[in-house]
Amino acid sequence: MRSVSFTDEAPELDGFEVLKIEGDSIEPKEELLDTIAEGFGFPDWVGRNWDALEECLRDLDAVNDGYALVITDATAIWAEHPRISGTLVEVWLDAAADGADRGVELRLVFEW
């Protein structure tokens, strides 16, 4: 399965720890990073930057089948925040490659 997907309907994610975020509710980058950190249980001291997100994603333990971030109404985040969206994809792909080497699957789903 691909680490990042763009779809009209989210794929089956049974066995994954799933975090859903509405794309039209994301304003600044920091809010997105805080939501992800809280949803996946990152430590409170985690920074509000892309490097910290990547590091924490790389440190996730192999539980269940993996972790999935589903962004619903993804059209909104791509239209309003294309740089944030693009950077999130880059960070996710880097962390997913490392996770795959350790047996941890990471999926990022943009649901239109």
N, C-alpha and C. Protein backbone atom coordinates (compact mmCIF):
# COMPACT_ATOMS: atom_id res chain seq x y z
N MET A 1 0.83 -1.18 0.00
CA MET A 1 0.00 0.00 0.00
C MET A 1 0.88 1.24 0.00
N ARG A 2 0.44 2.26 -0.71
CA ARG A 2 1.20 3.50 -0.77
C ARG A 2 1.14 4.27 0.55
N SER A 3 2.18 5.00 0.84
CA SER A 3 2.24 5.78 2.07
C SER A 3 1.34 7.00 2.02
N VAL A 4 1.17 7.57 0.83
CA VAL A 4 0.32 8.75 0.65
C VAL A 4 -0.67 8.45 -0.45
N SER A 5 -1.94 8.75 -0.19
CA SER A 5 -2.95 8.53 -1.22
C SER A 5 -3.95 9.68 -1.25
N PHE A 6 -4.51 9.89 -2.42
CA PHE A 6 -5.51 10.92 -2.67
C PHE A 6 -6.73 10.18 -3.20
N THR A 7 -7.87 10.34 -2.54
CA THR A 7 -9.00 9.50 -2.87
C THR A 7 -10.33 10.17 -2.55
N ASP A 8 -11.38 9.67 -3.17
CA ASP A 8 -12.73 10.13 -2.84
C ASP A 8 -13.27 9.41 -1.61
N GLU A 9 -12.70 8.26 -1.32
CA GLU A 9 -13.15 7.46 -0.19
C GLU A 9 -11.94 6.84 0.48
N ALA A 10 -11.82 7.03 1.77
CA ALA A 10 -10.67 6.52 2.51
C ALA A 10 -10.57 5.00 2.37
N PRO A 11 -9.37 4.48 2.24
CA PRO A 11 -9.18 3.03 2.14
C PRO A 11 -9.50 2.35 3.48
N GLU A 12 -9.64 1.07 3.45
CA GLU A 12 -9.87 0.29 4.67
C GLU A 12 -8.64 0.42 5.56
N LEU A 13 -8.87 0.81 6.80
CA LEU A 13 -7.75 1.03 7.71
C LEU A 13 -7.92 0.24 9.01
N ASP A 14 -8.61 -0.90 8.93
CA ASP A 14 -8.75 -1.77 10.10
C ASP A 14 -7.36 -2.16 10.58
N GLY A 15 -7.17 -2.11 11.87
CA GLY A 15 -5.89 -2.48 12.44
C GLY A 15 -4.92 -1.32 12.58
N PHE A 16 -5.27 -0.17 12.00
CA PHE A 16 -4.42 1.02 12.10
C PHE A 16 -4.92 1.93 13.21
N GLU A 17 -4.00 2.63 13.84
CA GLU A 17 -4.39 3.72 14.71
C GLU A 17 -4.66 4.90 13.79
N VAL A 18 -5.91 5.35 13.73
CA VAL A 18 -6.32 6.36 12.75
C VAL A 18 -6.60 7.69 13.44
N LEU A 19 -6.05 8.73 12.87
CA LEU A 19 -6.33 10.10 13.29
C LEU A 19 -6.98 10.80 12.11
N LYS A 20 -8.19 11.33 12.33
CA LYS A 20 -8.89 12.06 11.27
C LYS A 20 -8.90 13.54 11.60
N ILE A 21 -8.60 14.34 10.58
CA ILE A 21 -8.60 15.80 10.70
C ILE A 21 -9.39 16.36 9.53
N GLU A 22 -10.25 17.32 9.80
CA GLU A 22 -10.98 17.98 8.72
C GLU A 22 -10.09 19.04 8.10
N GLY A 23 -9.88 18.95 6.80
CA GLY A 23 -8.99 19.86 6.09
C GLY A 23 -9.41 21.31 6.17
N ASP A 24 -10.71 21.56 6.25
CA ASP A 24 -11.16 22.95 6.30
C ASP A 24 -11.04 23.56 7.70
N SER A 25 -10.64 22.75 8.69
CA SER A 25 -10.48 23.27 10.04
C SER A 25 -9.04 23.63 10.36
N ILE A 26 -8.12 23.35 9.44
CA ILE A 26 -6.70 23.59 9.67
C ILE A 26 -6.35 25.01 9.24
N GLU A 27 -5.86 25.78 10.16
CA GLU A 27 -5.45 27.13 9.82
C GLU A 27 -3.93 27.23 9.77
N PRO A 28 -3.28 27.59 10.86
CA PRO A 28 -1.82 27.68 10.78
C PRO A 28 -1.16 26.30 10.89
N LYS A 29 0.07 26.26 10.43
CA LYS A 29 0.86 25.02 10.49
C LYS A 29 0.94 24.50 11.92
N GLU A 30 1.11 25.39 12.88
CA GLU A 30 1.26 24.97 14.27
C GLU A 30 0.03 24.22 14.77
N GLU A 31 -1.15 24.64 14.33
CA GLU A 31 -2.37 23.95 14.73
C GLU A 31 -2.40 22.53 14.18
N LEU A 32 -2.00 22.37 12.95
CA LEU A 32 -1.93 21.04 12.35
C LEU A 32 -0.94 20.17 13.11
N LEU A 33 0.23 20.70 13.38
CA LEU A 33 1.26 19.93 14.09
C LEU A 33 0.80 19.56 15.50
N ASP A 34 0.13 20.50 16.18
CA ASP A 34 -0.40 20.22 17.52
C ASP A 34 -1.45 19.11 17.48
N THR A 35 -2.31 19.15 16.49
CA THR A 35 -3.37 18.15 16.36
C THR A 35 -2.78 16.76 16.11
N ILE A 36 -1.78 16.70 15.24
CA ILE A 36 -1.12 15.41 14.97
C ILE A 36 -0.40 14.91 16.22
N ALA A 37 0.31 15.80 16.89
CA ALA A 37 1.06 15.41 18.10
C ALA A 37 0.11 14.88 19.17
N GLU A 38 -1.00 15.56 19.38
CA GLU A 38 -1.96 15.12 20.38
C GLU A 38 -2.63 13.81 19.96
N GLY A 39 -3.00 13.71 18.70
CA GLY A 39 -3.70 12.53 18.20
C GLY A 39 -2.87 11.26 18.26
N PHE A 40 -1.58 11.37 18.02
CA PHE A 40 -0.71 10.19 18.05
C PHE A 40 0.05 10.05 19.38
N GLY A 41 -0.24 10.93 20.33
CA GLY A 41 0.34 10.80 21.66
C GLY A 41 1.82 11.12 21.74
N PHE A 42 2.27 12.10 20.97
CA PHE A 42 3.67 12.51 21.06
C PHE A 42 3.90 13.20 22.41
N PRO A 43 5.15 13.22 22.89
CA PRO A 43 5.45 13.88 24.17
C PRO A 43 5.07 15.37 24.14
N ASP A 44 4.75 15.91 25.30
CA ASP A 44 4.34 17.32 25.41
C ASP A 44 5.44 18.29 24.98
N TRP A 45 6.68 17.88 25.09
CA TRP A 45 7.79 18.78 24.80
C TRP A 45 8.11 18.89 23.31
N VAL A 46 7.37 18.17 22.47
CA VAL A 46 7.66 18.15 21.03
C VAL A 46 7.52 19.55 20.44
N GLY A 47 8.48 19.92 19.61
CA GLY A 47 8.45 21.23 18.95
C GLY A 47 7.34 21.32 17.92
N ARG A 48 7.01 22.53 17.54
CA ARG A 48 5.95 22.77 16.56
C ARG A 48 6.58 23.09 15.21
N ASN A 49 7.35 22.11 14.71
CA ASN A 49 8.01 22.30 13.42
C ASN A 49 8.07 20.96 12.69
N TRP A 50 8.41 21.03 11.42
CA TRP A 50 8.41 19.84 10.57
C TRP A 50 9.44 18.81 11.00
N ASP A 51 10.62 19.26 11.44
CA ASP A 51 11.66 18.32 11.88
C ASP A 51 11.19 17.51 13.08
N ALA A 52 10.51 18.17 14.01
CA ALA A 52 10.01 17.46 15.19
C ALA A 52 8.94 16.44 14.79
N LEU A 53 8.07 16.82 13.86
CA LEU A 53 7.05 15.88 13.39
C LEU A 53 7.71 14.64 12.78
N GLU A 54 8.67 14.86 11.91
CA GLU A 54 9.33 13.73 11.26
C GLU A 54 10.02 12.83 12.28
N GLU A 55 10.69 13.43 13.24
CA GLU A 55 11.38 12.66 14.27
C GLU A 55 10.39 11.81 15.07
N CYS A 56 9.26 12.41 15.44
CA CYS A 56 8.27 11.67 16.23
C CYS A 56 7.62 10.56 15.40
N LEU A 57 7.35 10.83 14.13
CA LEU A 57 6.78 9.78 13.27
C LEU A 57 7.76 8.62 13.14
N ARG A 58 9.05 8.94 13.06
CA ARG A 58 10.07 7.89 12.95
C ARG A 58 10.18 7.07 14.23
N ASP A 59 9.78 7.66 15.36
CA ASP A 59 9.90 6.99 16.65
C ASP A 59 8.67 6.18 17.04
N LEU A 60 7.62 6.19 16.21
CA LEU A 60 6.42 5.44 16.55
C LEU A 60 6.74 3.95 16.61
N ASP A 61 6.18 3.27 17.59
CA ASP A 61 6.40 1.85 17.77
C ASP A 61 5.52 1.03 16.84
N ALA A 62 5.95 -0.16 16.55
CA ALA A 62 5.17 -1.07 15.71
C ALA A 62 4.05 -1.68 16.54
N VAL A 63 2.89 -1.03 16.49
CA VAL A 63 1.70 -1.57 17.14
C VAL A 63 0.62 -1.72 16.08
N ASN A 64 -0.21 -2.70 16.27
CA ASN A 64 -1.26 -2.96 15.30
C ASN A 64 -0.65 -3.05 13.90
N ASP A 65 -1.36 -2.54 12.90
CA ASP A 65 -0.83 -2.57 11.53
C ASP A 65 -0.04 -1.30 11.20
N GLY A 66 -0.24 -0.26 11.96
CA GLY A 66 0.46 0.99 11.71
C GLY A 66 -0.38 2.19 12.10
N TYR A 67 -0.03 3.32 11.53
CA TYR A 67 -0.67 4.60 11.86
C TYR A 67 -1.14 5.25 10.58
N ALA A 68 -2.32 5.86 10.65
CA ALA A 68 -2.87 6.54 9.48
C ALA A 68 -3.39 7.92 9.88
N LEU A 69 -3.04 8.90 9.08
CA LEU A 69 -3.59 10.24 9.21
C LEU A 69 -4.50 10.45 8.02
N VAL A 70 -5.79 10.66 8.28
CA VAL A 70 -6.77 10.88 7.23
C VAL A 70 -7.23 12.33 7.31
N ILE A 71 -6.99 13.06 6.24
CA ILE A 71 -7.44 14.45 6.18
C ILE A 71 -8.66 14.49 5.27
N THR A 72 -9.82 14.73 5.89
CA THR A 72 -11.06 14.80 5.14
C THR A 72 -11.22 16.22 4.59
N ASP A 73 -12.07 16.38 3.61
CA ASP A 73 -12.24 17.67 2.94
C ASP A 73 -10.86 18.23 2.56
N ALA A 74 -10.07 17.37 1.95
CA ALA A 74 -8.68 17.72 1.62
C ALA A 74 -8.58 18.83 0.59
N THR A 75 -9.62 19.03 -0.19
CA THR A 75 -9.61 20.11 -1.17
C THR A 75 -9.34 21.44 -0.49
N ALA A 76 -9.92 21.62 0.69
CA ALA A 76 -9.77 22.88 1.42
C ALA A 76 -8.32 23.13 1.83
N ILE A 77 -7.66 22.14 2.40
CA ILE A 77 -6.28 22.37 2.85
C ILE A 77 -5.34 22.59 1.67
N TRP A 78 -5.57 21.86 0.56
CA TRP A 78 -4.72 22.05 -0.61
C TRP A 78 -4.96 23.42 -1.25
N ALA A 79 -6.20 23.89 -1.24
CA ALA A 79 -6.51 25.20 -1.83
C ALA A 79 -6.00 26.34 -0.96
N GLU A 80 -6.17 26.22 0.35
CA GLU A 80 -5.82 27.31 1.25
C GLU A 80 -4.37 27.27 1.74
N HIS A 81 -3.81 26.08 1.81
CA HIS A 81 -2.46 25.92 2.38
C HIS A 81 -1.63 24.92 1.55
N PRO A 82 -1.37 25.22 0.29
CA PRO A 82 -0.64 24.25 -0.53
C PRO A 82 0.78 23.95 -0.04
N ARG A 83 1.45 24.94 0.52
CA ARG A 83 2.81 24.69 1.02
C ARG A 83 2.80 23.77 2.23
N ILE A 84 1.84 24.00 3.13
CA ILE A 84 1.72 23.14 4.30
C ILE A 84 1.41 21.71 3.85
N SER A 85 0.48 21.58 2.92
CA SER A 85 0.10 20.26 2.42
C SER A 85 1.28 19.55 1.78
N GLY A 86 2.00 20.25 0.93
CA GLY A 86 3.15 19.67 0.25
C GLY A 86 4.25 19.26 1.21
N THR A 87 4.51 20.11 2.19
CA THR A 87 5.55 19.78 3.17
C THR A 87 5.13 18.59 4.02
N LEU A 88 3.86 18.52 4.37
CA LEU A 88 3.36 17.37 5.12
C LEU A 88 3.60 16.08 4.34
N VAL A 89 3.34 16.11 3.05
CA VAL A 89 3.58 14.93 2.21
C VAL A 89 5.06 14.56 2.22
N GLU A 90 5.94 15.53 2.05
CA GLU A 90 7.38 15.26 2.05
C GLU A 90 7.84 14.63 3.36
N VAL A 91 7.42 15.23 4.48
CA VAL A 91 7.80 14.73 5.80
C VAL A 91 7.26 13.32 6.00
N TRP A 92 6.00 13.11 5.61
CA TRP A 92 5.37 11.81 5.79
C TRP A 92 6.10 10.73 4.99
N LEU A 93 6.43 11.03 3.74
CA LEU A 93 7.12 10.05 2.90
C LEU A 93 8.48 9.68 3.48
N ASP A 94 9.22 10.67 3.97
CA ASP A 94 10.52 10.38 4.58
C ASP A 94 10.37 9.49 5.80
N ALA A 95 9.42 9.83 6.68
CA ALA A 95 9.22 9.03 7.89
C ALA A 95 8.69 7.64 7.55
N ALA A 96 7.82 7.55 6.54
CA ALA A 96 7.25 6.26 6.15
C ALA A 96 8.32 5.32 5.62
N ALA A 97 9.26 5.85 4.88
CA ALA A 97 10.35 5.01 4.36
C ALA A 97 11.16 4.43 5.51
N ASP A 98 11.45 5.25 6.50
CA ASP A 98 12.19 4.78 7.66
C ASP A 98 11.35 3.79 8.46
N GLY A 99 10.05 4.09 8.61
CA GLY A 99 9.17 3.20 9.36
C GLY A 99 9.06 1.83 8.72
N ALA A 100 8.99 1.80 7.40
CA ALA A 100 8.89 0.53 6.68
C ALA A 100 10.10 -0.36 6.98
N ASP A 101 11.26 0.25 7.12
CA ASP A 101 12.47 -0.52 7.45
C ASP A 101 12.37 -1.14 8.84
N ARG A 102 11.55 -0.52 9.71
CA ARG A 102 11.41 -1.00 11.09
C ARG A 102 10.10 -1.77 11.30
N GLY A 103 9.32 -1.94 10.24
CA GLY A 103 8.06 -2.68 10.36
C GLY A 103 6.88 -1.84 10.82
N VAL A 104 6.99 -0.51 10.71
CA VAL A 104 5.91 0.39 11.09
C VAL A 104 5.37 1.04 9.83
N GLU A 105 4.10 0.79 9.53
CA GLU A 105 3.50 1.37 8.32
C GLU A 105 2.81 2.69 8.65
N LEU A 106 3.12 3.70 7.87
CA LEU A 106 2.50 5.02 8.01
C LEU A 106 1.73 5.33 6.74
N ARG A 107 0.48 5.74 6.89
CA ARG A 107 -0.34 6.11 5.74
C ARG A 107 -0.91 7.51 5.95
N LEU A 108 -0.80 8.31 4.91
CA LEU A 108 -1.39 9.65 4.89
C LEU A 108 -2.43 9.64 3.78
N VAL A 109 -3.67 9.92 4.13
CA VAL A 109 -4.76 9.86 3.18
C VAL A 109 -5.41 11.23 3.07
N PHE A 110 -5.45 11.76 1.86
CA PHE A 110 -6.19 12.99 1.57
C PHE A 110 -7.50 12.57 0.93
N GLU A 111 -8.59 12.75 1.66
CA GLU A 111 -9.91 12.34 1.18
C GLU A 111 -10.63 13.58 0.66
N TRP A 112 -10.94 13.57 -0.64
CA TRP A 112 -11.59 14.72 -1.25
C TRP A 112 -13.03 14.75 -0.83
